[in-house]
């Protein structure tokens, strides 16, 4: 059995996701970022730039305020991250809104709608077949 090879960047990105979520939850005092959830981190192979994807359950105006609050706190978050991770260089952090959640919800609703249509089309055939017997 061969071991699955994981790139170092993938392991570091996962650790950054955990640490940034903890820093936001426990260390930041800005009330704008209280409802932020870290969903994913993409990091360059040289570990210099980390894109942190976040989402909130708030409306668009509060979401913008949360992203502004994160942008203001990014220096503090980066310094805390530098203390927690044993890396030569602490990556630069860029916060981005995660759009995969609403996109996934939309895809699920489309699939549900198609499934309902398929069931409606198959039901008349089944009742006609039973009537012929």
C-alpha atoms as a PDB file:
ATOM      1  CA  UNK A   1       0.000   0.000   0.000  1.00  0.00           C
ATOM      2  CA  UNK A   2       1.411   3.304  -1.076  1.00  0.00           C
ATOM      3  CA  UNK A   3       1.100   6.344   1.093  1.00  0.00           C
ATOM      4  CA  UNK A   4      -0.901   9.227  -0.256  1.00  0.00           C
ATOM      5  CA  UNK A   5       1.440  12.116  -0.966  1.00  0.00           C
ATOM      6  CA  UNK A   6       0.289  15.407   0.493  1.00  0.00           C
ATOM      7  CA  UNK A   7       1.926  18.617  -0.561  1.00  0.00           C
ATOM      8  CA  UNK A   8       3.338  20.713   2.227  1.00  0.00           C
ATOM      9  CA  UNK A   9       1.288  23.684   1.044  1.00  0.00           C
ATOM     10  CA  UNK A  10      -1.912  21.685   1.562  1.00  0.00           C
ATOM     11  CA  UNK A  11      -0.959  20.756   5.120  1.00  0.00           C
ATOM     12  CA  UNK A  12       0.058  24.321   5.954  1.00  0.00           C
ATOM     13  CA  UNK A  13      -3.175  25.694   4.437  1.00  0.00           C
ATOM     14  CA  UNK A  14      -5.237  23.378   6.618  1.00  0.00           C
ATOM     15  CA  UNK A  15      -3.310  24.447   9.723  1.00  0.00           C
ATOM     16  CA  UNK A  16      -3.739  28.127   8.780  1.00  0.00           C
ATOM     17  CA  UNK A  17      -7.503  27.585   8.407  1.00  0.00           C
ATOM     18  CA  UNK A  18      -7.701  26.137  11.916  1.00  0.00           C
ATOM     19  CA  UNK A  19      -5.513  28.815  13.488  1.00  0.00           C
ATOM     20  CA  UNK A  20      -7.159  31.788  11.747  1.00  0.00           C
ATOM     21  CA  UNK A  21     -10.606  30.538  12.778  1.00  0.00           C
ATOM     22  CA  UNK A  22      -9.399  30.248  16.371  1.00  0.00           C
ATOM     23  CA  UNK A  23      -7.793  33.701  16.318  1.00  0.00           C
ATOM     24  CA  UNK A  24     -10.961  35.289  14.930  1.00  0.00           C
ATOM     25  CA  UNK A  25     -13.147  33.502  17.466  1.00  0.00           C
ATOM     26  CA  UNK A  26     -11.025  33.997  20.582  1.00  0.00           C
ATOM     27  CA  UNK A  27      -8.607  36.899  20.101  1.00  0.00           C
ATOM     28  CA  UNK A  28     -10.242  39.580  17.951  1.00  0.00           C
ATOM     29  CA  UNK A  29     -12.402  42.062  19.777  1.00  0.00           C
ATOM     30  CA  UNK A  30     -14.042  43.655  16.721  1.00  0.00           C
ATOM     31  CA  UNK A  31     -17.798  42.896  16.870  1.00  0.00           C
ATOM     32  CA  UNK A  32     -18.004  43.047  13.062  1.00  0.00           C
ATOM     33  CA  UNK A  33     -16.071  39.789  12.706  1.00  0.00           C
ATOM     34  CA  UNK A  34     -17.966  37.851  15.366  1.00  0.00           C
ATOM     35  CA  UNK A  35     -20.166  36.049  12.829  1.00  0.00           C
ATOM     36  CA  UNK A  36     -17.396  35.104  10.379  1.00  0.00           C
ATOM     37  CA  UNK A  37     -16.675  31.473   9.531  1.00  0.00           C
ATOM     38  CA  UNK A  38     -13.433  30.445   7.825  1.00  0.00           C
ATOM     39  CA  UNK A  39     -14.335  27.937   5.133  1.00  0.00           C
ATOM     40  CA  UNK A  40     -11.123  27.375   3.190  1.00  0.00           C
ATOM     41  CA  UNK A  41      -7.539  28.541   2.696  1.00  0.00           C
ATOM     42  CA  UNK A  42      -5.608  28.445  -0.558  1.00  0.00           C
ATOM     43  CA  UNK A  43      -1.884  29.053  -0.242  1.00  0.00           C
ATOM     44  CA  UNK A  44       0.804  29.470  -2.859  1.00  0.00           C
ATOM     45  CA  UNK A  45       3.439  26.749  -3.166  1.00  0.00           C
ATOM     46  CA  UNK A  46       6.120  29.075  -1.771  1.00  0.00           C
ATOM     47  CA  UNK A  47       3.915  29.668   1.323  1.00  0.00           C
ATOM     48  CA  UNK A  48       4.076  33.452   0.905  1.00  0.00           C
ATOM     49  CA  UNK A  49       0.398  34.287   0.180  1.00  0.00           C
ATOM     50  CA  UNK A  50      -2.672  32.750   1.820  1.00  0.00           C
ATOM     51  CA  UNK A  51      -6.171  33.445   0.510  1.00  0.00           C
ATOM     52  CA  UNK A  52      -8.578  32.916   3.391  1.00  0.00           C
ATOM     53  CA  UNK A  53     -12.165  32.324   2.273  1.00  0.00           C
ATOM     54  CA  UNK A  54     -14.806  33.408   4.779  1.00  0.00           C
ATOM     55  CA  UNK A  55     -18.568  33.394   4.940  1.00  0.00           C
ATOM     56  CA  UNK A  56     -21.225  34.864   7.203  1.00  0.00           C
ATOM     57  CA  UNK A  57     -24.901  34.177   7.727  1.00  0.00           C
ATOM     58  CA  UNK A  58     -25.713  37.895   7.662  1.00  0.00           C
ATOM     59  CA  UNK A  59     -27.137  40.131   4.965  1.00  0.00           C
ATOM     60  CA  UNK A  60     -24.928  41.810   2.355  1.00  0.00           C
ATOM     61  CA  UNK A  61     -24.413  45.066   4.289  1.00  0.00           C
ATOM     62  CA  UNK A  62     -23.220  43.303   7.440  1.00  0.00           C
ATOM     63  CA  UNK A  63     -21.107  40.961   5.326  1.00  0.00           C
ATOM     64  CA  UNK A  64     -19.297  43.947   3.800  1.00  0.00           C
ATOM     65  CA  UNK A  65     -18.694  45.334   7.286  1.00  0.00           C
ATOM     66  CA  UNK A  66     -17.305  41.977   8.407  1.00  0.00           C
ATOM     67  CA  UNK A  67     -14.877  41.921   5.473  1.00  0.00           C
ATOM     68  CA  UNK A  68     -13.809  45.485   6.285  1.00  0.00           C
ATOM     69  CA  UNK A  69     -13.262  44.441   9.914  1.00  0.00           C
ATOM     70  CA  UNK A  70     -11.173  41.469   8.802  1.00  0.00           C
ATOM     71  CA  UNK A  71      -9.133  43.696   6.530  1.00  0.00           C
ATOM     72  CA  UNK A  72      -8.427  46.030   9.470  1.00  0.00           C
ATOM     73  CA  UNK A  73      -7.474  43.091  11.715  1.00  0.00           C
ATOM     74  CA  UNK A  74      -5.318  41.261   9.172  1.00  0.00           C
ATOM     75  CA  UNK A  75      -2.045  42.594  10.640  1.00  0.00           C
ATOM     76  CA  UNK A  76      -3.001  41.377  14.112  1.00  0.00           C
ATOM     77  CA  UNK A  77      -4.170  38.021  12.729  1.00  0.00           C
ATOM     78  CA  UNK A  78      -0.948  37.621  10.763  1.00  0.00           C
ATOM     79  CA  UNK A  79       1.210  38.372  13.812  1.00  0.00           C
ATOM     80  CA  UNK A  80      -0.754  35.875  15.943  1.00  0.00           C
ATOM     81  CA  UNK A  81      -0.400  33.335  13.149  1.00  0.00           C
ATOM     82  CA  UNK A  82       3.349  33.921  13.110  1.00  0.00           C
ATOM     83  CA  UNK A  83       3.532  33.080  16.818  1.00  0.00           C
ATOM     84  CA  UNK A  84       1.498  29.895  16.390  1.00  0.00           C
ATOM     85  CA  UNK A  85       3.113  28.451  13.252  1.00  0.00           C
ATOM     86  CA  UNK A  86       6.710  27.395  12.931  1.00  0.00           C
ATOM     87  CA  UNK A  87       7.399  28.828   9.467  1.00  0.00           C
ATOM     88  CA  UNK A  88      10.326  30.824   8.164  1.00  0.00           C
ATOM     89  CA  UNK A  89       7.969  33.402   6.642  1.00  0.00           C
ATOM     90  CA  UNK A  90       4.467  34.140   7.846  1.00  0.00           C
ATOM     91  CA  UNK A  91       2.256  34.271   4.760  1.00  0.00           C
ATOM     92  CA  UNK A  92       0.527  37.469   3.706  1.00  0.00           C
ATOM     93  CA  UNK A  93      -3.213  37.087   4.334  1.00  0.00           C
ATOM     94  CA  UNK A  94      -5.940  38.101   1.894  1.00  0.00           C
ATOM     95  CA  UNK A  95      -9.544  37.659   3.024  1.00  0.00           C
ATOM     96  CA  UNK A  96     -12.103  36.815   0.347  1.00  0.00           C
ATOM     97  CA  UNK A  97     -15.820  36.147   0.441  1.00  0.00           C
ATOM     98  CA  UNK A  98     -16.598  32.475  -0.139  1.00  0.00           C
ATOM     99  CA  UNK A  99     -19.246  32.117  -2.828  1.00  0.00           C
ATOM    100  CA  UNK A 100     -19.272  28.321  -2.911  1.00  0.00           C
ATOM    101  CA  UNK A 101     -22.026  28.027  -0.260  1.00  0.00           C
ATOM    102  CA  UNK A 102     -24.762  29.916  -2.140  1.00  0.00           C
ATOM    103  CA  UNK A 103     -23.605  28.345  -5.405  1.00  0.00           C
ATOM    104  CA  UNK A 104     -23.932  24.875  -3.853  1.00  0.00           C
ATOM    105  CA  UNK A 105     -27.393  25.704  -2.486  1.00  0.00           C
ATOM    106  CA  UNK A 106     -28.478  26.839  -5.942  1.00  0.00           C
ATOM    107  CA  UNK A 107     -27.169  23.623  -7.527  1.00  0.00           C
ATOM    108  CA  UNK A 108     -28.994  21.517  -4.934  1.00  0.00           C
ATOM    109  CA  UNK A 109     -32.267  23.343  -5.599  1.00  0.00           C
ATOM    110  CA  UNK A 110     -31.845  22.804  -9.360  1.00  0.00           C
ATOM    111  CA  UNK A 111     -31.179  19.096  -8.821  1.00  0.00           C
ATOM    112  CA  UNK A 112     -34.226  18.806  -6.542  1.00  0.00           C
ATOM    113  CA  UNK A 113     -36.368  20.529  -9.164  1.00  0.00           C
ATOM    114  CA  UNK A 114     -35.123  18.155 -11.887  1.00  0.00           C
ATOM    115  CA  UNK A 115     -35.796  15.160  -9.647  1.00  0.00           C
ATOM    116  CA  UNK A 116     -39.375  16.335  -9.061  1.00  0.00           C
ATOM    117  CA  UNK A 117     -39.915  16.748 -12.812  1.00  0.00           C
ATOM    118  CA  UNK A 118     -38.548  13.263 -13.478  1.00  0.00           C
ATOM    119  CA  UNK A 119     -40.865  11.767 -10.858  1.00  0.00           C
ATOM    120  CA  UNK A 120     -43.893  13.584 -12.328  1.00  0.00           C
ATOM    121  CA  UNK A 121     -43.080  12.280 -15.808  1.00  0.00           C
ATOM    122  CA  UNK A 122     -42.674   8.681 -14.603  1.00  0.00           C
ATOM    123  CA  UNK A 123     -45.906   8.541 -12.562  1.00  0.00           C
ATOM    124  CA  UNK A 124     -48.402   8.711 -15.493  1.00  0.00           C
ATOM    125  CA  UNK A 125     -46.584   5.832 -17.211  1.00  0.00           C
ATOM    126  CA  UNK A 126     -46.835   3.659 -14.107  1.00  0.00           C
ATOM    127  CA  UNK A 127     -50.575   4.278 -13.698  1.00  0.00           C
ATOM    128  CA  UNK A 128     -51.223   3.525 -17.376  1.00  0.00           C
ATOM    129  CA  UNK A 129     -49.299   0.247 -17.108  1.00  0.00           C
ATOM    130  CA  UNK A 130     -51.316  -0.784 -14.053  1.00  0.00           C
ATOM    131  CA  UNK A 131     -54.595   0.020 -15.805  1.00  0.00           C
ATOM    132  CA  UNK A 132     -53.703  -2.249 -18.762  1.00  0.00           C
ATOM    133  CA  UNK A 133     -53.122  -5.269 -16.491  1.00  0.00           C
END
